[in-house]
Amino acid sequence: MKPAGAPYDIVIAGRGGQGVLYLSRILGEAALVQGLAVRTTETHGMAMRGGSVLCFVRIGSALGPLFPRGSADLLMVLHPAEAATGHPYLGPGGVVVFNGASGSLPEFLRVREGVFPVDAESMARSVGNPRGANLALVGAAASLLRDFPLAPPSIKEAIVSQGPERFRTTNLEVFRLGQSGTGKD
């Protein structure tokens, strides 16, 4: 258990072209909307199409954006093959929101508690926004995780302010699908 006032640490693991950096901007902006301190950084890989990308987001009081392995509260996996890259940062009580069906979970995640597979890509494709799976994952996190520090209205505001106008409607719809796909709205 983290001490009171400790930052909420998130690792986003994916590949270039999946919107890993965009998702870190959305989370950061949503935190700012709520008046929370936030730090973000890309530390591994390159955001070129197909390259491995790992981003860190710290919500709350923290001097820097990085945190040690074994301490993250949340791992958001956009590409199944990148779960192994982000997993070492996950803390003992941390949870995983995974883009894919439960059958696509790697073995090390199948045996772990607190893993939530979400068919985010199908949700995004269903509204004609195949690159919006990242927003379905954050919708699922906002709906599923009791201690997730970002409220849906703040995330929606961030999506509107940070996303391209031509995708605004479908981005918001993918976020909503991520929330409702978990059984909550």
C-alpha atoms as a PDB file:
ATOM      1  CA  MET A   1       0.000   0.000   0.000  1.00  0.00           C
ATOM      2  CA  LYS A   2       1.301   3.431  -0.951  1.00  0.00           C
ATOM      3  CA  PRO A   3       1.572   6.162   1.669  1.00  0.00           C
ATOM      4  CA  ALA A   4      -1.117   8.859   1.677  1.00  0.00           C
ATOM      5  CA  GLY A   5      -0.266  11.635  -0.750  1.00  0.00           C
ATOM      6  CA  ALA A   6       1.988   9.428  -2.882  1.00  0.00           C
ATOM      7  CA  PRO A   7       1.677   9.972  -6.638  1.00  0.00           C
ATOM      8  CA  TYR A   8      -0.454   7.669  -8.778  1.00  0.00           C
ATOM      9  CA  ASP A   9       2.009   6.142 -11.253  1.00  0.00           C
ATOM     10  CA  ILE A  10       1.001   4.919 -14.714  1.00  0.00           C
ATOM     11  CA  VAL A  11       3.053   3.108 -17.349  1.00  0.00           C
ATOM     12  CA  ILE A  12       1.754   3.061 -20.926  1.00  0.00           C
ATOM     13  CA  ALA A  13       3.310   0.357 -23.106  1.00  0.00           C
ATOM     14  CA  GLY A  14       2.688   0.179 -26.831  1.00  0.00           C
ATOM     15  CA  ARG A  15       4.106   0.669 -30.278  1.00  0.00           C
ATOM     16  CA  GLY A  16       4.592   3.758 -32.384  1.00  0.00           C
ATOM     17  CA  GLY A  17       1.430   4.642 -34.269  1.00  0.00           C
ATOM     18  CA  GLN A  18      -0.885   3.451 -31.459  1.00  0.00           C
ATOM     19  CA  GLY A  19      -1.137   6.833 -29.768  1.00  0.00           C
ATOM     20  CA  VAL A  20       0.994   6.111 -26.700  1.00  0.00           C
ATOM     21  CA  LEU A  21       2.272   9.699 -26.568  1.00  0.00           C
ATOM     22  CA  TYR A  22      -1.199  11.050 -27.295  1.00  0.00           C
ATOM     23  CA  LEU A  23      -2.614   9.011 -24.419  1.00  0.00           C
ATOM     24  CA  SER A  24       0.007  10.389 -22.041  1.00  0.00           C
ATOM     25  CA  ARG A  25      -1.014  13.923 -23.155  1.00  0.00           C
ATOM     26  CA  ILE A  26      -4.691  13.120 -22.522  1.00  0.00           C
ATOM     27  CA  LEU A  27      -3.946  11.792 -19.029  1.00  0.00           C
ATOM     28  CA  GLY A  28      -1.725  14.772 -18.266  1.00  0.00           C
ATOM     29  CA  GLU A  29      -4.262  17.299 -19.483  1.00  0.00           C
ATOM     30  CA  ALA A  30      -7.092  15.586 -17.568  1.00  0.00           C
ATOM     31  CA  ALA A  31      -4.993  15.821 -14.400  1.00  0.00           C
ATOM     32  CA  LEU A  32      -4.414  19.539 -15.017  1.00  0.00           C
ATOM     33  CA  VAL A  33      -8.147  20.070 -15.587  1.00  0.00           C
ATOM     34  CA  GLN A  34      -8.698  18.601 -12.111  1.00  0.00           C
ATOM     35  CA  GLY A  35      -5.999  20.802 -10.604  1.00  0.00           C
ATOM     36  CA  LEU A  36      -3.651  17.875  -9.975  1.00  0.00           C
ATOM     37  CA  ALA A  37       0.110  18.009 -10.391  1.00  0.00           C
ATOM     38  CA  VAL A  38       1.346  15.789 -13.222  1.00  0.00           C
ATOM     39  CA  ARG A  39       4.615  14.763 -14.840  1.00  0.00           C
ATOM     40  CA  THR A  40       4.986  12.721 -18.030  1.00  0.00           C
ATOM     41  CA  THR A  41       7.849  11.353 -20.078  1.00  0.00           C
ATOM     42  CA  GLU A  42       8.694   8.945 -22.874  1.00  0.00           C
ATOM     43  CA  THR A  43      11.695   6.911 -21.820  1.00  0.00           C
ATOM     44  CA  HIS A  44      12.115   3.838 -23.997  1.00  0.00           C
ATOM     45  CA  GLY A  45      11.845   3.320 -27.681  1.00  0.00           C
ATOM     46  CA  MET A  46      10.865   5.689 -30.379  1.00  0.00           C
ATOM     47  CA  ALA A  47       7.429   6.861 -31.341  1.00  0.00           C
ATOM     48  CA  MET A  48       7.962   5.813 -34.935  1.00  0.00           C
ATOM     49  CA  ARG A  49       5.443   3.474 -36.454  1.00  0.00           C
ATOM     50  CA  GLY A  50       5.921   0.007 -35.018  1.00  0.00           C
ATOM     51  CA  GLY A  51       8.731   0.884 -32.600  1.00  0.00           C
ATOM     52  CA  SER A  52       8.424   0.062 -28.901  1.00  0.00           C
ATOM     53  CA  VAL A  53       7.213   3.012 -26.799  1.00  0.00           C
ATOM     54  CA  LEU A  54       6.991   3.251 -23.024  1.00  0.00           C
ATOM     55  CA  CYS A  55       5.589   6.359 -21.305  1.00  0.00           C
ATOM     56  CA  PHE A  56       5.425   7.257 -17.636  1.00  0.00           C
ATOM     57  CA  VAL A  57       2.698   9.437 -16.117  1.00  0.00           C
ATOM     58  CA  ARG A  58       2.831  10.544 -12.475  1.00  0.00           C
ATOM     59  CA  ILE A  59      -0.273  12.171 -11.064  1.00  0.00           C
ATOM     60  CA  GLY A  60       0.234  13.981  -7.770  1.00  0.00           C
ATOM     61  CA  SER A  61       3.185  15.558  -6.037  1.00  0.00           C
ATOM     62  CA  ALA A  62       6.423  14.203  -7.461  1.00  0.00           C
ATOM     63  CA  LEU A  63       9.745  15.822  -8.252  1.00  0.00           C
ATOM     64  CA  GLY A  64      10.216  13.993 -11.530  1.00  0.00           C
ATOM     65  CA  PRO A  65       8.347  11.888 -14.079  1.00  0.00           C
ATOM     66  CA  LEU A  66      10.250   8.636 -13.563  1.00  0.00           C
ATOM     67  CA  PHE A  67       9.594   6.049 -10.895  1.00  0.00           C
ATOM     68  CA  PRO A  68      11.372   2.817 -10.011  1.00  0.00           C
ATOM     69  CA  ARG A  69      10.548  -0.624 -11.292  1.00  0.00           C
ATOM     70  CA  GLY A  70       8.021  -2.443  -9.158  1.00  0.00           C
ATOM     71  CA  SER A  71       6.062   0.641  -8.093  1.00  0.00           C
ATOM     72  CA  ALA A  72       3.457   1.580 -10.755  1.00  0.00           C
ATOM     73  CA  ASP A  73      -0.221   1.598  -9.827  1.00  0.00           C
ATOM     74  CA  LEU A  74      -1.414   1.003 -13.392  1.00  0.00           C
ATOM     75  CA  LEU A  75      -0.004  -0.542 -16.554  1.00  0.00           C
ATOM     76  CA  MET A  76      -1.917   0.283 -19.735  1.00  0.00           C
ATOM     77  CA  VAL A  77      -0.935  -2.152 -22.498  1.00  0.00           C
ATOM     78  CA  LEU A  78      -1.815  -0.966 -25.998  1.00  0.00           C
ATOM     79  CA  HIS A  79       0.059  -3.736 -27.823  1.00  0.00           C
ATOM     80  CA  PRO A  80       0.107  -7.278 -26.376  1.00  0.00           C
ATOM     81  CA  ALA A  81       3.776  -7.788 -27.254  1.00  0.00           C
ATOM     82  CA  GLU A  82       4.706  -4.748 -25.139  1.00  0.00           C
ATOM     83  CA  ALA A  83       3.218  -6.136 -21.916  1.00  0.00           C
ATOM     84  CA  ALA A  84       6.610  -7.623 -21.060  1.00  0.00           C
ATOM     85  CA  THR A  85       8.271  -4.222 -21.510  1.00  0.00           C
ATOM     86  CA  GLY A  86       5.971  -2.444 -19.053  1.00  0.00           C
ATOM     87  CA  HIS A  87       5.356  -5.271 -16.589  1.00  0.00           C
ATOM     88  CA  PRO A  88       8.592  -4.834 -14.562  1.00  0.00           C
ATOM     89  CA  TYR A  89       7.420  -1.350 -13.522  1.00  0.00           C
ATOM     90  CA  LEU A  90       4.135  -2.605 -12.086  1.00  0.00           C
ATOM     91  CA  GLY A  91       3.897  -2.586  -8.297  1.00  0.00           C
ATOM     92  CA  PRO A  92       2.672  -5.567  -6.239  1.00  0.00           C
ATOM     93  CA  GLY A  93      -0.857  -4.132  -5.930  1.00  0.00           C
ATOM     94  CA  GLY A  94      -0.845  -2.553  -9.388  1.00  0.00           C
ATOM     95  CA  VAL A  95      -3.450  -3.329 -12.028  1.00  0.00           C
ATOM     96  CA  VAL A  96      -3.270  -3.882 -15.772  1.00  0.00           C
ATOM     97  CA  VAL A  97      -5.691  -2.654 -18.430  1.00  0.00           C
ATOM     98  CA  PHE A  98      -4.825  -4.745 -21.488  1.00  0.00           C
ATOM     99  CA  ASN A  99      -5.838  -4.157 -25.103  1.00  0.00           C
ATOM    100  CA  GLY A 100      -7.038  -7.572 -26.208  1.00  0.00           C
ATOM    101  CA  ALA A 101      -9.221 -10.519 -25.378  1.00  0.00           C
ATOM    102  CA  SER A 102      -8.420 -12.600 -22.305  1.00  0.00           C
ATOM    103  CA  GLY A 103      -7.134 -15.356 -24.600  1.00  0.00           C
ATOM    104  CA  SER A 104      -4.380 -13.045 -25.854  1.00  0.00           C
ATOM    105  CA  LEU A 105      -2.963 -12.366 -22.376  1.00  0.00           C
ATOM    106  CA  PRO A 106       0.641 -13.476 -21.921  1.00  0.00           C
ATOM    107  CA  GLU A 107       1.063 -16.207 -19.297  1.00  0.00           C
ATOM    108  CA  PHE A 108       2.652 -13.865 -16.728  1.00  0.00           C
ATOM    109  CA  LEU A 109      -0.512 -11.729 -16.821  1.00  0.00           C
ATOM    110  CA  ARG A 110      -2.925 -14.683 -16.759  1.00  0.00           C
ATOM    111  CA  VAL A 111      -1.680 -15.692 -13.333  1.00  0.00           C
ATOM    112  CA  ARG A 112      -1.785 -12.168 -11.910  1.00  0.00           C
ATOM    113  CA  GLU A 113      -4.766 -10.615 -10.130  1.00  0.00           C
ATOM    114  CA  GLY A 114      -6.022  -7.213 -11.229  1.00  0.00           C
ATOM    115  CA  VAL A 115      -5.725  -7.739 -14.989  1.00  0.00           C
ATOM    116  CA  PHE A 116      -8.548  -6.359 -17.126  1.00  0.00           C
ATOM    117  CA  PRO A 117      -8.574  -7.376 -20.803  1.00  0.00           C
ATOM    118  CA  VAL A 118     -10.526  -4.921 -22.959  1.00  0.00           C
ATOM    119  CA  ASP A 119     -11.200  -5.433 -26.672  1.00  0.00           C
ATOM    120  CA  ALA A 120     -10.318  -1.790 -27.285  1.00  0.00           C
ATOM    121  CA  GLU A 121      -9.415  -2.210 -30.947  1.00  0.00           C
ATOM    122  CA  SER A 122     -12.844  -3.652 -31.783  1.00  0.00           C
ATOM    123  CA  MET A 123     -14.516  -0.795 -29.922  1.00  0.00           C
ATOM    124  CA  ALA A 124     -12.482   1.759 -31.861  1.00  0.00           C
ATOM    125  CA  ARG A 125     -13.110   0.077 -35.217  1.00  0.00           C
ATOM    126  CA  SER A 126     -16.857  -0.076 -34.500  1.00  0.00           C
ATOM    127  CA  VAL A 127     -17.063   3.730 -34.704  1.00  0.00           C
ATOM    128  CA  GLY A 128     -14.658   4.080 -37.632  1.00  0.00           C
ATOM    129  CA  ASN A 129     -11.685   5.183 -35.536  1.00  0.00           C
ATOM    130  CA  PRO A 130      -9.252   2.229 -35.625  1.00  0.00           C
ATOM    131  CA  ARG A 131      -6.454   4.224 -33.982  1.00  0.00           C
ATOM    132  CA  GLY A 132      -8.645   5.160 -31.010  1.00  0.00           C
ATOM    133  CA  ALA A 133      -8.078   1.996 -28.968  1.00  0.00           C
ATOM    134  CA  ASN A 134      -5.982   4.036 -26.533  1.00  0.00           C
ATOM    135  CA  LEU A 135      -9.075   6.055 -25.579  1.00  0.00           C
ATOM    136  CA  ALA A 136     -11.128   2.900 -25.031  1.00  0.00           C
ATOM    137  CA  LEU A 137      -8.446   1.737 -22.576  1.00  0.00           C
ATOM    138  CA  VAL A 138      -8.568   4.967 -20.590  1.00  0.00           C
ATOM    139  CA  GLY A 139     -12.370   4.742 -20.593  1.00  0.00           C
ATOM    140  CA  ALA A 140     -12.098   1.248 -19.144  1.00  0.00           C
ATOM    141  CA  ALA A 141      -9.581   2.404 -16.527  1.00  0.00           C
ATOM    142  CA  ALA A 142     -11.834   5.289 -15.485  1.00  0.00           C
ATOM    143  CA  SER A 143     -14.752   2.899 -15.135  1.00  0.00           C
ATOM    144  CA  LEU A 144     -13.093  -0.165 -13.615  1.00  0.00           C
ATOM    145  CA  LEU A 145     -10.528   1.198 -11.191  1.00  0.00           C
ATOM    146  CA  ARG A 146     -11.794   2.549  -7.894  1.00  0.00           C
ATOM    147  CA  ASP A 147      -8.623   4.515  -7.165  1.00  0.00           C
ATOM    148  CA  PHE A 148      -8.107   5.899 -10.695  1.00  0.00           C
ATOM    149  CA  PRO A 149      -7.510   9.606 -10.003  1.00  0.00           C
ATOM    150  CA  LEU A 150      -9.025  11.042 -13.190  1.00  0.00           C
ATOM    151  CA  ALA A 151     -12.750  11.668 -13.495  1.00  0.00           C
ATOM    152  CA  PRO A 152     -14.517  10.976 -16.820  1.00  0.00           C
ATOM    153  CA  PRO A 153     -15.569  14.643 -17.298  1.00  0.00           C
ATOM    154  CA  SER A 154     -11.921  15.740 -17.018  1.00  0.00           C
ATOM    155  CA  ILE A 155     -10.829  13.081 -19.498  1.00  0.00           C
ATOM    156  CA  LYS A 156     -13.544  14.147 -21.936  1.00  0.00           C
ATOM    157  CA  GLU A 157     -12.430  17.758 -21.639  1.00  0.00           C
ATOM    158  CA  ALA A 158      -8.854  16.679 -22.362  1.00  0.00           C
ATOM    159  CA  ILE A 159      -9.968  14.677 -25.404  1.00  0.00           C
ATOM    160  CA  VAL A 160     -11.774  17.724 -26.766  1.00  0.00           C
ATOM    161  CA  SER A 161      -8.861  20.105 -26.136  1.00  0.00           C
ATOM    162  CA  GLN A 162      -5.992  17.807 -27.197  1.00  0.00           C
ATOM    163  CA  GLY A 163      -7.426  15.835 -30.093  1.00  0.00           C
ATOM    164  CA  PRO A 164      -7.848  16.837 -33.711  1.00  0.00           C
ATOM    165  CA  GLU A 165     -11.264  18.382 -34.303  1.00  0.00           C
ATOM    166  CA  ARG A 166     -12.074  15.981 -37.152  1.00  0.00           C
ATOM    167  CA  PHE A 167     -11.807  13.028 -34.721  1.00  0.00           C
ATOM    168  CA  ARG A 168     -13.455  14.679 -31.731  1.00  0.00           C
ATOM    169  CA  THR A 169     -16.817  12.922 -32.037  1.00  0.00           C
ATOM    170  CA  THR A 170     -15.390   9.444 -32.624  1.00  0.00           C
ATOM    171  CA  ASN A 171     -12.702   9.918 -29.941  1.00  0.00           C
ATOM    172  CA  LEU A 172     -15.386  10.727 -27.378  1.00  0.00           C
ATOM    173  CA  GLU A 173     -17.457   7.773 -28.574  1.00  0.00           C
ATOM    174  CA  VAL A 174     -14.516   5.368 -28.240  1.00  0.00           C
ATOM    175  CA  PHE A 175     -13.890   6.657 -24.700  1.00  0.00           C
ATOM    176  CA  ARG A 176     -17.583   6.076 -23.877  1.00  0.00           C
ATOM    177  CA  LEU A 177     -17.442   2.577 -25.341  1.00  0.00           C
ATOM    178  CA  GLY A 178     -14.424   1.818 -23.156  1.00  0.00           C
ATOM    179  CA  GLN A 179     -16.463   2.864 -20.125  1.00  0.00           C
ATOM    180  CA  SER A 180     -19.617   0.999 -21.113  1.00  0.00           C
ATOM    181  CA  GLY A 181     -17.730  -2.047 -22.431  1.00  0.00           C
ATOM    182  CA  THR A 182     -16.775  -2.703 -18.838  1.00  0.00           C
ATOM    183  CA  GLY A 183     -20.395  -2.811 -17.715  1.00  0.00           C
ATOM    184  CA  LYS A 184     -20.345   0.739 -16.294  1.00  0.00           C
ATOM    185  CA  ASP A 185     -21.124   4.096 -17.860  1.00  0.00           C
END
